[in-house]
Amino acid sequence: MKLERSSKIHLAITKSKAKMYEFGVEEEHHINLTIEPQKLLLLTIGILGDLSALEASHLVLGDNEEYLALKNQLIDVSQYFDSLNNSKLESSSYDYLYLLGSASYYLADMPGSSLVLIKAVDYDIDELTPSYIEGILIWLLKGDLEHEWYYYENSSFCDELEYFRATIVEILEQEAPIEQLNFAINILRKDVYKSGNDRELLIVDILCAVAKRKIQYSSLICLPKYTGLAVNLWQAVLAKDNFIKEFWPAQRLLGEKGIFEGKSAVVQMPTSAGKTKSTELIIRSSFLSKRSNLAVVVAPFRALCREIADSFKKSFSNENIKINELQDVPQLNHNDLEMINDLLNKEDDDNVSDSVIVSTPEKLVYVLRHEPELASNIGLLIFDEGHQFDSGSRGVTYELLLASLKANIPDDSQLILISAVMSNAETIGDWLYGENGTEVKGTHCLPTIRSTAF
């Protein structure tokens, strides 16, 4: 199945109609529909269904041409379900289209858009199937594992669905082996394929494909995989309610590039891709691996420093980690002096707190002029909004600071420079870390669809 030229025209018209409602255009000024956008519905459902069936069947998908062709069309499919709903052309299928759209976005590696759509779907929707198999798909896409209302008692496949749900929960709670999921999938698909209707066959394949991704991308699996640290070292963090439960595309890309194992990098990452959580993961990995006990985060603006520090204080709450936000004034206050004294007089003791400093470049320059010895304690240095290198006088301050730090921090310190936009990332990387780092191009890791109105 493939979206040909005529199909893409249907998609464009559907999106245009939806945008007119979104931007509050009076209906008398809407475009005239010369075609029926609904005619694309069967094809898009077919693409989603075929891809889900391949993933649910445990086939090796990496080089499968059919699978890759389907996956490349999935974002268009997702947008079609989303737009058809917002175009008000299929008002009777509101929940069904949002459910399909959310699942499509999730399988297209756009978890942000998936969450936006599934939040609009309630658990107690009018049943789409006799077995209410869609209930567990809603539960899974919402990621609300503590919510248990998702099916009708004594309905078809009730026992199989309960075993499937319990298996997912037990795996994520480390009470069952990951291989048990495939067993649960086989049981559920076999029974649904034997006696389910057409819609149940579609939903069971989507459900199983989403479940496999949920486990594959879970923090439980990704943390040891990408940090090289045993999962038992992460147990306390995994138990925190505010710690990420799943790695988004940008975080998996950083993991694949070795950033969580201590590799230096210039990182290009779009806004909303999960930069703050990625920075938290870099810091945690550095502390847990004992590569560092002092991380410094440099951000160009006072307001951004406050935002970062407040976020870290919530993320690292009730942990033996100190978050220090330096006040952006050219002097050392009592808190600054106390922090510096603690850092310079740390003993080699496992119970000593790890520390994070959040500062503007100007304040960090001032601190290091008064206490140059502090630079030798820095094991992790993160520059946020790295494109400030190209911003006149601020860029000069940035560059001078980094040049000074490079000369004084330990050779094995990890250097990370993060920016949403950077035209000369490779050149900066060569200067920053030479052959001891990498460039991470994450500009394609958009968790949500963006559009522009004129």
Protein backbone atom coordinates (compact mmCIF):
# COMPACT_ATOMS: atom_id res chain seq x y z
CA MET A 1 0.00 0.00 0.00
CA LYS A 2 1.29 3.44 -0.89
CA LEU A 3 0.13 7.04 -0.80
CA GLU A 4 0.32 8.12 -4.42
CA ARG A 5 -0.08 11.64 -5.83
CA SER A 6 -3.88 11.63 -5.69
CA SER A 7 -3.79 10.40 -2.10
CA LYS A 8 -1.48 13.22 -1.10
CA ILE A 9 -3.88 15.71 -2.69
CA HIS A 10 -6.63 14.25 -0.49
CA LEU A 11 -4.33 14.62 2.51
CA ALA A 12 -3.47 18.24 1.69
CA ILE A 13 -7.13 19.20 1.28
CA THR A 14 -8.04 17.48 4.55
CA LYS A 15 -5.26 19.34 6.38
CA SER A 16 -6.36 22.65 4.84
CA LYS A 17 -9.96 22.13 5.92
CA ALA A 18 -8.83 21.28 9.47
CA LYS A 19 -6.61 24.37 9.65
CA MET A 20 -9.50 26.63 8.76
CA TYR A 21 -11.37 25.45 11.83
CA GLU A 22 -8.22 25.67 13.95
CA PHE A 23 -7.61 29.30 12.96
CA GLY A 24 -11.25 30.31 13.40
CA VAL A 25 -12.04 31.00 9.75
CA GLU A 26 -15.76 31.50 9.18
CA GLU A 27 -17.26 28.51 7.36
CA GLU A 28 -18.50 30.71 4.51
CA HIS A 29 -14.84 31.38 3.67
CA HIS A 30 -13.73 27.73 3.78
CA ILE A 31 -12.35 26.05 0.68
CA ASN A 32 -14.79 24.24 -1.58
CA LEU A 33 -14.27 20.49 -1.35
CA THR A 34 -13.98 19.13 -4.88
CA ILE A 35 -13.18 15.65 -3.52
CA GLU A 36 -14.21 13.59 -0.54
CA PRO A 37 -11.30 13.45 1.96
CA GLN A 38 -12.97 10.46 3.65
CA LYS A 39 -12.05 8.30 0.66
CA LEU A 40 -8.48 8.14 1.95
CA LEU A 41 -9.58 6.49 5.19
CA LEU A 42 -9.39 2.86 4.05
CA LEU A 43 -5.92 3.28 2.55
CA THR A 44 -4.47 4.97 5.64
CA ILE A 45 -6.00 2.36 7.95
CA GLY A 46 -4.51 -0.31 5.70
CA ILE A 47 -1.02 1.20 5.95
CA LEU A 48 -1.23 1.43 9.74
CA GLY A 49 -2.62 -2.10 9.97
CA ASP A 50 0.02 -3.66 7.71
CA LEU A 51 2.89 -2.01 9.55
CA SER A 52 1.47 -2.98 12.94
CA ALA A 53 1.00 -6.59 11.82
CA LEU A 54 4.64 -6.78 10.74
CA GLU A 55 5.85 -5.42 14.08
CA ALA A 56 3.49 -7.64 16.08
CA SER A 57 4.62 -10.75 14.17
CA HIS A 58 8.18 -10.56 15.60
CA LEU A 59 9.66 -10.32 12.10
CA VAL A 60 13.15 -8.89 11.52
CA LEU A 61 12.21 -5.46 10.21
CA GLY A 62 15.46 -3.53 9.74
CA ASP A 63 16.01 -4.26 6.04
CA ASN A 64 12.47 -5.31 5.15
CA GLU A 65 11.57 -3.15 2.13
CA GLU A 66 7.83 -3.51 2.70
CA TYR A 67 8.18 -2.42 6.32
CA LEU A 68 10.42 0.57 5.49
CA ALA A 69 8.01 1.72 2.77
CA LEU A 70 5.11 1.60 5.23
CA LYS A 71 7.06 3.34 7.98
CA ASN A 72 8.07 6.20 5.69
CA GLN A 73 4.39 6.96 5.12
CA LEU A 74 3.36 6.81 8.75
CA ILE A 75 3.68 10.53 9.53
CA ASP A 76 1.36 11.33 6.61
CA VAL A 77 -1.06 8.68 7.86
CA SER A 78 -0.95 10.17 11.36
CA GLN A 79 -1.63 13.67 10.05
CA TYR A 80 -4.55 12.39 8.00
CA PHE A 81 -6.33 10.85 11.01
CA ASP A 82 -5.66 14.01 13.03
CA SER A 83 -6.80 16.38 10.28
CA LEU A 84 -9.87 14.37 9.32
CA ASN A 85 -11.08 14.66 12.90
CA ASN A 86 -10.40 18.40 13.06
CA SER A 87 -12.03 18.97 9.66
CA LYS A 88 -15.37 17.87 11.22
CA LEU A 89 -16.09 15.67 8.22
CA GLU A 90 -16.31 12.50 10.33
CA SER A 91 -17.80 13.69 13.60
CA SER A 92 -19.29 10.27 14.37
CA SER A 93 -15.79 8.69 14.46
CA TYR A 94 -14.11 11.24 16.76
CA ASP A 95 -12.66 8.81 19.33
CA TYR A 96 -11.76 6.18 16.75
CA LEU A 97 -9.79 8.64 14.60
CA TYR A 98 -7.98 10.12 17.58
CA LEU A 99 -7.07 6.62 18.77
CA LEU A 100 -5.72 5.67 15.34
CA GLY A 101 -3.95 9.02 15.05
CA SER A 102 -2.30 8.66 18.45
CA ALA A 103 -1.13 5.12 17.67
CA SER A 104 0.17 6.21 14.25
CA TYR A 105 2.12 9.12 15.70
CA TYR A 106 3.59 6.84 18.38
CA LEU A 107 4.73 4.25 15.84
CA ALA A 108 6.11 7.09 13.68
CA ASP A 109 8.39 8.07 16.61
CA MET A 110 6.46 11.24 17.42
CA PRO A 111 5.47 10.58 21.06
CA GLY A 112 4.60 14.22 21.75
CA SER A 113 1.88 14.35 19.09
CA SER A 114 0.69 10.92 20.20
CA LEU A 115 0.18 12.17 23.76
CA VAL A 116 -1.67 15.27 22.57
CA LEU A 117 -4.25 13.15 20.74
CA ILE A 118 -4.70 10.42 23.34
CA LYS A 119 -5.30 13.01 26.07
CA ALA A 120 -8.47 13.93 24.16
CA VAL A 121 -9.74 10.34 24.45
CA ASP A 122 -11.45 9.25 27.66
CA TYR A 123 -11.29 5.76 29.07
CA ASP A 124 -15.08 5.45 29.05
CA ILE A 125 -15.66 6.06 25.35
CA ASP A 126 -18.50 4.33 23.53
CA GLU A 127 -17.16 0.90 22.68
CA LEU A 128 -15.64 0.54 19.23
CA THR A 129 -15.58 -3.28 19.45
CA PRO A 130 -17.66 -5.92 21.28
CA SER A 131 -14.64 -6.93 23.39
CA TYR A 132 -13.62 -3.32 24.13
CA ILE A 133 -10.05 -4.23 23.20
CA GLU A 134 -9.51 -0.55 22.43
CA GLY A 135 -9.61 0.15 26.18
CA ILE A 136 -6.21 -1.39 26.78
CA LEU A 137 -4.77 0.49 23.79
CA ILE A 138 -5.97 3.76 25.34
CA TRP A 139 -4.39 2.70 28.65
CA LEU A 140 -1.08 1.88 26.95
CA LEU A 141 -0.87 5.06 24.86
CA LYS A 142 -1.67 7.22 27.88
CA GLY A 143 1.17 5.48 29.73
CA ASP A 144 -0.91 5.48 32.90
CA LEU A 145 0.08 2.07 34.22
CA GLU A 146 -1.58 2.59 37.60
CA HIS A 147 -4.99 3.07 36.01
CA GLU A 148 -6.72 -0.31 35.86
CA TRP A 149 -10.09 0.43 34.27
CA TYR A 150 -9.73 -0.61 30.67
CA TYR A 151 -12.00 -3.55 29.81
CA TYR A 152 -15.40 -5.09 30.32
CA GLU A 153 -15.57 -8.12 32.60
CA ASN A 154 -16.65 -11.36 30.92
CA SER A 155 -16.16 -9.86 27.46
CA SER A 156 -14.41 -11.69 24.63
CA PHE A 157 -10.67 -12.11 25.18
CA CYS A 158 -11.04 -10.86 28.76
CA ASP A 159 -8.54 -13.37 30.20
CA GLU A 160 -6.07 -12.88 27.35
CA LEU A 161 -6.21 -9.09 27.73
CA GLU A 162 -5.69 -9.32 31.50
CA TYR A 163 -2.66 -11.57 31.01
CA PHE A 164 -1.34 -9.15 28.36
CA ARG A 165 -1.81 -6.13 30.66
CA ALA A 166 -0.31 -7.90 33.69
CA THR A 167 2.71 -8.97 31.63
CA ILE A 168 3.49 -5.38 30.63
CA VAL A 169 3.20 -4.15 34.21
CA GLU A 170 5.29 -7.02 35.58
CA ILE A 171 8.05 -6.45 33.02
CA LEU A 172 8.25 -2.74 33.84
CA GLU A 173 8.26 -3.56 37.55
CA GLN A 174 11.04 -6.13 36.90
CA GLU A 175 8.88 -9.03 38.04
CA ALA A 176 8.80 -10.84 34.71
CA PRO A 177 11.34 -11.45 31.90
CA ILE A 178 11.01 -9.35 28.75
CA GLU A 179 10.54 -12.51 26.67
CA GLN A 180 7.17 -13.05 28.36
CA LEU A 181 5.72 -10.20 26.28
CA ASN A 182 6.12 -12.16 23.05
CA PHE A 183 4.33 -15.09 24.65
CA ALA A 184 1.45 -12.83 25.76
CA ILE A 185 1.28 -11.28 22.28
CA ASN A 186 1.08 -14.68 20.60
CA ILE A 187 -1.77 -15.81 22.87
CA LEU A 188 -3.77 -12.62 22.38
CA ARG A 189 -3.32 -12.38 18.60
CA LYS A 190 -4.12 -16.06 18.12
CA ASP A 191 -7.48 -15.78 19.91
CA VAL A 192 -8.46 -12.45 18.34
CA TYR A 193 -7.55 -13.68 14.86
CA LYS A 194 -9.64 -16.78 15.49
CA SER A 195 -12.91 -15.10 16.49
CA GLY A 196 -12.55 -11.30 16.38
CA ASN A 197 -14.18 -8.94 13.88
CA ASP A 198 -12.30 -6.77 11.38
CA ARG A 199 -11.82 -3.85 13.75
CA GLU A 200 -10.61 -6.11 16.55
CA LEU A 201 -8.04 -7.64 14.19
CA LEU A 202 -6.77 -4.14 13.35
CA ILE A 203 -6.63 -2.99 16.96
CA VAL A 204 -4.92 -6.11 18.31
CA ASP A 205 -2.04 -5.66 15.86
CA ILE A 206 -1.74 -1.96 16.72
CA LEU A 207 -1.89 -2.83 20.41
CA CYS A 208 0.86 -5.43 20.17
CA ALA A 209 3.11 -3.17 18.05
CA VAL A 210 2.72 -0.30 20.53
CA ALA A 211 3.39 -2.64 23.48
CA LYS A 212 6.64 -3.88 21.95
CA ARG A 213 7.79 -0.30 21.40
CA LYS A 214 6.78 0.70 24.94
CA ILE A 215 9.01 -2.01 26.40
CA GLN A 216 11.83 -1.46 23.91
CA TYR A 217 11.96 2.29 24.62
CA SER A 218 11.32 2.05 28.36
CA SER A 219 13.87 3.55 30.75
CA LEU A 220 14.26 0.09 32.27
CA ILE A 221 15.74 -1.17 28.99
CA CYS A 222 17.39 1.99 27.66
CA LEU A 223 19.28 3.07 30.78
CA PRO A 224 21.63 0.07 31.03
CA LYS A 225 21.78 -0.20 27.23
CA TYR A 226 22.93 3.39 26.64
CA THR A 227 24.84 4.18 29.85
CA GLY A 228 26.75 0.95 30.31
CA LEU A 229 25.63 0.93 33.96
CA ALA A 230 23.80 -2.00 35.54
CA VAL A 231 20.09 -1.45 36.05
CA ASN A 232 20.42 -1.92 39.82
CA LEU A 233 22.34 1.38 39.97
CA TRP A 234 19.25 3.09 38.55
CA GLN A 235 16.69 1.50 40.88
CA ALA A 236 16.24 4.50 43.18
CA VAL A 237 15.89 6.85 40.21
CA LEU A 238 13.47 4.58 38.37
CA ALA A 239 11.22 4.59 41.43
CA LYS A 240 10.80 8.38 41.29
CA ASP A 241 7.47 9.56 39.89
CA ASN A 242 9.03 12.47 37.99
CA PHE A 243 11.76 10.44 36.27
CA ILE A 244 11.23 9.65 32.61
CA LYS A 245 9.58 6.31 31.96
CA GLU A 246 10.43 6.18 28.27
CA PHE A 247 13.23 7.43 26.03
CA TRP A 248 12.11 9.77 23.25
CA PRO A 249 13.88 9.74 19.84
CA ALA A 250 16.41 12.45 20.76
CA GLN A 251 17.40 10.63 23.95
CA ARG A 252 17.85 7.36 22.10
CA LEU A 253 20.02 9.15 19.53
CA LEU A 254 22.23 10.55 22.29
CA GLY A 255 22.50 7.05 23.72
CA GLU A 256 23.48 5.58 20.36
CA LYS A 257 26.21 8.23 20.03
CA GLY A 258 27.71 7.31 23.40
CA ILE A 259 26.87 10.59 25.14
CA PHE A 260 25.54 8.86 28.27
CA GLU A 261 28.80 6.89 28.48
CA GLY A 262 30.93 10.03 28.70
CA LYS A 263 31.61 11.03 25.10
CA SER A 264 31.95 14.76 24.36
CA ALA A 265 29.70 16.19 21.67
CA VAL A 266 28.16 19.13 19.87
CA VAL A 267 24.43 18.39 19.96
CA GLN A 268 21.87 19.92 17.64
CA MET A 269 18.46 19.31 19.17
CA PRO A 270 15.19 21.06 18.32
CA THR A 271 13.07 22.77 20.94
CA SER A 272 10.64 20.39 22.71
CA ALA A 273 12.71 17.32 21.78
CA GLY A 274 13.44 16.57 25.44
CA LYS A 275 16.59 18.66 25.98
CA THR A 276 16.10 19.21 29.72
CA LYS A 277 15.52 15.53 30.44
CA SER A 278 18.44 14.61 28.19
CA THR A 279 20.69 16.96 30.19
CA GLU A 280 19.46 15.34 33.40
CA LEU A 281 20.36 11.91 32.00
CA ILE A 282 23.86 13.08 31.04
CA ILE A 283 24.41 14.43 34.56
CA ARG A 284 23.04 11.32 36.28
CA SER A 285 25.14 9.02 34.10
CA SER A 286 28.26 11.02 34.87
CA PHE A 287 27.63 10.94 38.63
CA LEU A 288 26.57 7.28 38.84
CA SER A 289 29.58 6.14 36.82
CA LYS A 290 31.88 8.18 39.10
CA ARG A 291 33.30 9.99 36.07
CA SER A 292 32.42 13.24 37.81
CA ASN A 293 31.12 14.69 41.05
CA LEU A 294 30.81 18.26 39.74
CA ALA A 295 28.78 19.22 36.67
CA VAL A 296 28.59 22.79 35.39
CA VAL A 297 25.73 23.95 33.17
CA VAL A 298 26.27 27.29 31.42
CA ALA A 299 23.26 29.11 29.96
CA PRO A 300 23.29 32.58 28.35
CA PHE A 301 20.44 34.24 30.24
CA ARG A 302 19.54 34.67 33.89
CA ALA A 303 15.94 33.58 33.26
CA LEU A 304 17.10 30.40 31.51
CA CYS A 305 19.50 29.62 34.38
CA ARG A 306 16.62 29.96 36.83
CA GLU A 307 14.42 27.70 34.69
CA ILE A 308 17.13 25.04 34.46
CA ALA A 309 17.96 25.21 38.17
CA ASP A 310 14.29 24.97 39.20
CA SER A 311 13.84 21.97 36.91
CA PHE A 312 16.89 20.23 38.38
CA LYS A 313 15.77 20.93 41.95
CA LYS A 314 12.54 19.06 41.21
CA SER A 315 14.25 16.25 39.31
CA PHE A 316 16.98 15.68 41.92
CA SER A 317 14.79 16.28 44.97
CA ASN A 318 15.47 14.05 47.99
CA GLU A 319 18.78 12.91 46.50
CA ASN A 320 22.35 13.49 47.66
CA ILE A 321 22.90 16.01 44.87
CA LYS A 322 23.24 19.77 45.40
CA ILE A 323 21.90 22.22 42.81
CA ASN A 324 23.69 25.58 42.96
CA GLU A 325 22.43 28.51 40.89
CA LEU A 326 24.99 31.32 40.83
CA GLN A 327 23.52 34.82 41.05
CA ASP A 328 24.35 36.86 37.95
CA VAL A 329 26.17 39.69 39.71
CA PRO A 330 29.94 40.48 39.56
CA GLN A 331 30.68 39.53 43.14
CA LEU A 332 30.82 36.48 45.37
CA ASN A 333 28.09 36.35 48.00
CA HIS A 334 28.03 34.16 51.10
CA ASN A 335 26.34 31.26 49.31
CA ASP A 336 28.89 31.36 46.47
CA LEU A 337 31.81 31.31 48.88
CA GLU A 338 30.31 28.48 50.91
CA MET A 339 29.70 26.42 47.76
CA ILE A 340 33.26 26.99 46.49
CA ASN A 341 34.70 26.06 49.87
CA ASP A 342 32.69 22.82 49.93
CA LEU A 343 33.78 21.88 46.41
CA LEU A 344 37.46 22.60 47.01
CA ASN A 345 37.55 20.71 50.30
CA LYS A 346 35.66 17.59 49.36
CA GLU A 347 36.94 14.36 50.80
CA ASP A 348 37.09 11.11 48.86
CA ASP A 349 33.94 9.75 50.44
CA ASP A 350 31.02 7.98 48.79
CA ASN A 351 28.62 9.90 51.05
CA VAL A 352 29.78 13.33 49.86
CA SER A 353 27.18 15.10 47.72
CA ASP A 354 27.59 15.44 43.99
CA SER A 355 27.06 19.02 42.81
CA VAL A 356 25.57 20.83 39.85
CA ILE A 357 26.38 24.50 39.18
CA VAL A 358 24.10 26.52 36.89
CA SER A 359 25.53 29.85 35.77
CA THR A 360 25.70 32.47 33.06
CA PRO A 361 29.09 32.63 31.27
CA GLU A 362 29.87 36.05 32.75
CA LYS A 363 29.37 34.89 36.34
CA LEU A 364 31.37 31.71 35.79
CA VAL A 365 34.24 33.78 34.35
CA TYR A 366 34.13 35.93 37.49
CA VAL A 367 34.10 32.92 39.82
CA LEU A 368 37.02 31.22 38.06
CA ARG A 369 39.10 34.40 38.17
CA HIS A 370 38.79 34.37 41.95
CA GLU A 371 39.04 30.59 42.36
CA PRO A 372 40.87 29.13 39.31
CA GLU A 373 41.42 25.89 41.21
CA LEU A 374 37.71 25.15 40.85
CA ALA A 375 38.16 24.34 37.15
CA SER A 376 40.23 21.25 37.99
CA ASN A 377 37.20 19.76 39.79
CA ILE A 378 34.85 19.96 36.81
CA GLY A 379 34.15 16.55 35.31
CA LEU A 380 31.17 17.51 33.15
CA LEU A 381 30.66 20.83 31.36
CA ILE A 382 27.44 21.56 29.47
CA PHE A 383 26.91 24.70 27.38
CA ASP A 384 23.25 25.34 26.62
CA GLU A 385 22.15 27.52 23.68
CA GLY A 386 25.52 26.98 21.99
CA HIS A 387 24.61 29.16 19.00
CA GLN A 388 25.48 32.13 21.27
CA PHE A 389 29.02 31.63 19.97
CA ASP A 390 27.84 33.64 16.96
CA SER A 391 26.20 36.50 18.91
CA GLY A 392 28.68 39.35 19.06
CA SER A 393 30.08 40.24 22.47
CA ARG A 394 28.26 37.37 24.21
CA GLY A 395 29.89 35.00 21.74
CA VAL A 396 33.32 36.37 22.62
CA THR A 397 32.64 35.79 26.33
CA TYR A 398 31.48 32.26 25.60
CA GLU A 399 34.53 31.47 23.50
CA LEU A 400 37.03 32.94 25.96
CA LEU A 401 35.41 31.09 28.85
CA LEU A 402 35.48 27.78 27.02
CA ALA A 403 39.05 28.29 25.88
CA SER A 404 40.08 28.97 29.48
CA LEU A 405 38.18 25.96 30.79
CA LYS A 406 39.65 23.67 28.15
CA ALA A 407 43.10 24.59 29.39
CA ASN A 408 42.30 23.98 33.06
CA ILE A 409 39.72 21.21 33.40
CA PRO A 410 40.90 17.57 33.48
CA ASP A 411 41.65 16.01 30.09
CA ASP A 412 39.00 13.35 30.57
CA SER A 413 36.20 15.80 31.36
CA GLN A 414 33.10 15.51 29.21
CA LEU A 415 32.20 18.60 27.16
CA ILE A 416 28.67 19.00 25.78
CA LEU A 417 27.50 21.93 23.69
CA ILE A 418 23.76 21.98 22.95
CA SER A 419 21.92 24.13 20.43
CA ALA A 420 18.73 24.03 18.41
CA VAL A 421 20.41 25.80 15.48
CA MET A 422 24.11 25.75 14.63
CA SER A 423 25.47 26.11 11.11
CA ASN A 424 29.10 25.34 11.96
CA ALA A 425 28.70 22.48 14.43
CA GLU A 426 31.47 20.38 12.89
CA THR A 427 34.01 23.24 13.07
CA ILE A 428 33.12 24.00 16.68
CA GLY A 429 33.37 20.31 17.53
CA ASP A 430 36.86 20.05 16.04
CA TRP A 431 37.95 23.00 18.16
CA LEU A 432 36.12 21.84 21.28
CA TYR A 433 37.24 18.23 21.58
CA GLY A 434 39.26 17.33 18.47
CA GLU A 435 38.99 13.62 17.72
CA ASN A 436 37.66 12.74 21.18
CA GLY A 437 34.02 13.58 20.56
CA THR A 438 31.20 13.45 18.07
CA GLU A 439 28.56 15.56 16.40
CA VAL A 440 24.94 14.66 17.11
CA LYS A 441 22.48 15.82 14.48
CA GLY A 442 19.11 15.52 16.17
CA THR A 443 17.26 18.15 14.16
CA HIS A 444 14.99 15.42 12.77
CA CYS A 445 13.98 14.25 16.25
CA LEU A 446 10.76 16.24 16.40
CA PRO A 447 8.34 14.74 18.96
CA THR A 448 5.46 16.82 17.60
CA ILE A 449 4.27 18.02 14.21
CA ARG A 450 4.71 21.71 13.55
CA SER A 451 2.84 23.86 11.05
CA THR A 452 2.92 27.47 9.97
CA ALA A 453 -0.03 29.73 9.21
CA PHE A 454 0.04 32.79 7.01
